[in-house]
Amino acid sequence: MATSNKWNTAATNGLLLSLITIIASLLQSVFKIEGLFSMVLWAAKFGGCIYLLHYFMKQHSLQEQNVSYGESFKYGFLICCFSSIVCAAYLYISMTLLFPEQIDAAIEQVNTLLASGSYSSEEESAVMSMMGKLPQITLFSAFFYYVLIGAVMSSIIANFTKKDDPFAEQGNN
């Protein structure tokens, strides 16, 4: 497979993979899903992402004669990196433009926690200064979280999507 085609396909697959997370996040934000339904939605999102990543990696494997574990892992990780960029950017846009009340709710929860009186004034001021940078902190932490999960899932799925020809090194005798 040509390198540029591989990158284009991985970017497209990463965008499609990120749509599962974005749709689940939108449903949760718009319909205020909480409790058991929130956990069910998260499990469905996680399962759907794993299934879709496996499907994309398997399709990549079917296009090649031989696909090593490393090649399969790299392709899956590339998909996850593209997906992580899109998901983290959506989360930032969601917190700053679409649903800014999420920041207000987080600040209110922190204020309630700080009102307990078990924190010093320096700790309170440090926490409140961090709350002012919550969207930026969330952007980078979400990106690294998604990349880490993607690396783990790609490494596991690559075991099932590699395709080696055991007779390739021995010749056609």
Protein backbone atom coordinates (compact mmCIF):
# COMPACT_ATOMS: atom_id res chain seq x y z
CA MET A 1 0.00 0.00 0.00
CA ALA A 2 1.36 3.42 -0.90
CA THR A 3 2.47 5.54 2.04
CA SER A 4 0.30 8.55 1.16
CA ASN A 5 -2.72 6.31 0.68
CA LYS A 6 -2.01 4.69 4.06
CA TRP A 7 -1.95 8.11 5.74
CA ASN A 8 -5.13 9.23 3.99
CA THR A 9 -6.93 6.03 4.91
CA ALA A 10 -5.72 6.21 8.51
CA ALA A 11 -6.86 9.85 8.77
CA THR A 12 -10.29 8.99 7.39
CA ASN A 13 -10.58 5.99 9.69
CA GLY A 14 -9.45 8.11 12.64
CA LEU A 15 -12.17 10.65 11.86
CA LEU A 16 -14.79 7.90 11.70
CA LEU A 17 -13.50 6.40 14.94
CA SER A 18 -13.69 9.77 16.68
CA LEU A 19 -17.32 10.20 15.63
CA ILE A 20 -18.34 7.46 18.08
CA THR A 21 -16.86 9.41 20.99
CA ILE A 22 -18.24 12.73 19.76
CA ILE A 23 -21.76 11.36 19.29
CA ALA A 24 -21.71 9.72 22.74
CA SER A 25 -20.46 12.98 24.28
CA LEU A 26 -23.13 15.00 22.50
CA LEU A 27 -25.85 12.62 23.67
CA GLN A 28 -24.60 12.86 27.23
CA SER A 29 -24.38 16.66 27.15
CA VAL A 30 -27.66 17.38 25.34
CA PHE A 31 -29.84 14.84 27.14
CA LYS A 32 -28.07 15.17 30.53
CA ILE A 33 -27.54 11.42 30.78
CA GLU A 34 -26.32 10.42 34.24
CA GLY A 35 -25.99 7.40 36.50
CA LEU A 36 -26.53 3.91 35.09
CA PHE A 37 -27.40 5.17 31.62
CA SER A 38 -24.15 7.11 31.53
CA MET A 39 -22.19 3.95 32.32
CA VAL A 40 -24.11 1.99 29.66
CA LEU A 41 -23.43 4.74 27.11
CA TRP A 42 -19.72 4.72 28.02
CA ALA A 43 -19.54 0.92 27.69
CA ALA A 44 -21.31 1.04 24.31
CA LYS A 45 -18.95 3.80 23.14
CA PHE A 46 -15.87 1.89 24.31
CA GLY A 47 -17.05 -1.37 22.74
CA GLY A 48 -17.95 0.40 19.50
CA CYS A 49 -14.53 2.04 19.34
CA ILE A 50 -12.75 -1.26 19.89
CA TYR A 51 -14.88 -3.00 17.27
CA LEU A 52 -14.36 -0.21 14.72
CA LEU A 53 -10.60 -0.09 15.35
CA HIS A 54 -10.41 -3.86 14.88
CA TYR A 55 -12.42 -3.58 11.67
CA PHE A 56 -10.14 -0.88 10.24
CA MET A 57 -6.99 -2.76 11.19
CA LYS A 58 -8.38 -5.98 9.71
CA GLN A 59 -9.25 -4.20 6.45
CA HIS A 60 -5.70 -2.89 6.27
CA SER A 61 -4.37 -6.39 6.87
CA LEU A 62 -6.53 -7.86 4.10
CA GLN A 63 -5.04 -5.47 1.54
CA GLU A 64 -1.51 -6.79 2.04
CA GLN A 65 0.08 -10.19 1.45
CA ASN A 66 1.98 -10.09 4.75
CA VAL A 67 1.36 -7.76 7.65
CA SER A 68 3.60 -8.10 10.67
CA TYR A 69 2.54 -7.34 14.21
CA GLY A 70 4.54 -4.10 14.09
CA GLU A 71 2.97 -2.91 10.84
CA SER A 72 -0.51 -3.68 12.12
CA PHE A 73 0.22 -1.93 15.41
CA LYS A 74 1.62 1.14 13.62
CA TYR A 75 -1.47 1.44 11.42
CA GLY A 76 -3.83 1.09 14.40
CA PHE A 77 -1.80 3.57 16.42
CA LEU A 78 -1.86 6.02 13.51
CA ILE A 79 -5.66 5.76 13.38
CA CYS A 80 -5.83 6.34 17.13
CA CYS A 81 -3.55 9.39 16.92
CA PHE A 82 -5.78 11.01 14.31
CA SER A 83 -8.86 10.11 16.34
CA SER A 84 -7.25 11.53 19.50
CA ILE A 85 -6.60 14.86 17.82
CA VAL A 86 -10.22 15.14 16.68
CA CYS A 87 -11.69 14.00 20.02
CA ALA A 88 -9.49 16.33 22.09
CA ALA A 89 -10.30 19.26 19.80
CA TYR A 90 -14.02 18.49 20.08
CA LEU A 91 -13.76 18.32 23.87
CA TYR A 92 -12.07 21.73 23.94
CA ILE A 93 -14.69 23.24 21.62
CA SER A 94 -17.43 21.61 23.67
CA MET A 95 -16.16 23.14 26.90
CA THR A 96 -15.48 26.61 25.48
CA LEU A 97 -18.20 27.16 22.88
CA LEU A 98 -20.95 24.52 22.85
CA PHE A 99 -21.48 23.76 26.53
CA PRO A 100 -19.62 26.37 28.64
CA GLU A 101 -21.89 25.53 31.55
CA GLN A 102 -19.71 22.42 32.03
CA ILE A 103 -16.92 24.68 33.28
CA ASP A 104 -19.31 26.49 35.60
CA ALA A 105 -20.51 23.17 37.02
CA ALA A 106 -16.92 22.03 37.57
CA ILE A 107 -16.03 25.31 39.30
CA GLU A 108 -19.11 24.99 41.51
CA GLN A 109 -18.11 21.45 42.52
CA VAL A 110 -14.59 22.63 43.34
CA ASN A 111 -15.96 25.55 45.39
CA THR A 112 -18.14 23.13 47.35
CA LEU A 113 -15.11 20.95 48.01
CA LEU A 114 -12.99 23.93 49.03
CA ALA A 115 -15.73 25.22 51.34
CA SER A 116 -15.18 22.21 53.58
CA GLY A 117 -12.33 24.18 55.14
CA SER A 118 -9.69 21.48 55.01
CA TYR A 119 -7.51 23.36 52.50
CA SER A 120 -5.11 26.22 53.09
CA SER A 121 -5.53 29.52 51.29
CA GLU A 122 -2.50 28.76 49.11
CA GLU A 123 -4.04 25.46 48.05
CA GLU A 124 -7.36 27.14 47.33
CA SER A 125 -5.75 29.84 45.19
CA ALA A 126 -3.71 27.23 43.28
CA VAL A 127 -6.81 25.18 42.56
CA MET A 128 -8.79 28.23 41.45
CA SER A 129 -5.99 29.36 39.14
CA MET A 130 -6.01 25.87 37.59
CA MET A 131 -9.77 26.10 37.09
CA GLY A 132 -9.22 29.14 34.88
CA LYS A 133 -7.16 26.94 32.56
CA LEU A 134 -9.52 23.96 32.67
CA PRO A 135 -10.25 23.81 28.90
CA GLN A 136 -6.55 23.84 28.01
CA ILE A 137 -5.71 21.26 30.67
CA THR A 138 -8.58 19.10 29.46
CA LEU A 139 -7.42 19.42 25.84
CA PHE A 140 -3.93 18.05 26.55
CA SER A 141 -4.93 15.48 29.15
CA ALA A 142 -7.69 14.11 26.89
CA PHE A 143 -5.27 13.89 23.97
CA PHE A 144 -2.74 11.90 25.99
CA TYR A 145 -5.48 9.72 27.50
CA TYR A 146 -6.89 8.87 24.07
CA VAL A 147 -3.42 8.20 22.64
CA LEU A 148 -2.55 5.93 25.58
CA ILE A 149 -5.79 3.95 25.29
CA GLY A 150 -5.28 3.79 21.52
CA ALA A 151 -1.76 2.43 21.93
CA VAL A 152 -2.93 -0.27 24.31
CA MET A 153 -5.89 -1.26 22.12
CA SER A 154 -3.77 -1.21 18.95
CA SER A 155 -1.18 -3.46 20.57
CA ILE A 156 -3.83 -5.96 21.61
CA ILE A 157 -5.73 -5.89 18.32
CA ALA A 158 -2.52 -6.17 16.27
CA ASN A 159 -2.15 -9.73 17.59
CA PHE A 160 -5.38 -10.63 15.81
CA THR A 161 -4.88 -8.65 12.61
CA LYS A 162 -1.32 -9.57 11.70
CA LYS A 163 -1.03 -11.80 8.69
CA ASP A 164 2.21 -13.70 8.24
CA ASP A 165 2.99 -16.25 5.56
CA PRO A 166 4.93 -19.03 7.35
CA PHE A 167 6.35 -20.26 4.03
CA ALA A 168 7.56 -16.88 2.75
CA GLU A 169 11.12 -17.27 4.09
CA GLN A 170 11.49 -20.91 3.03
CA GLY A 171 10.78 -20.28 -0.63
CA ASN A 172 8.34 -22.11 -2.85
CA ASN A 173 9.97 -25.59 -2.71
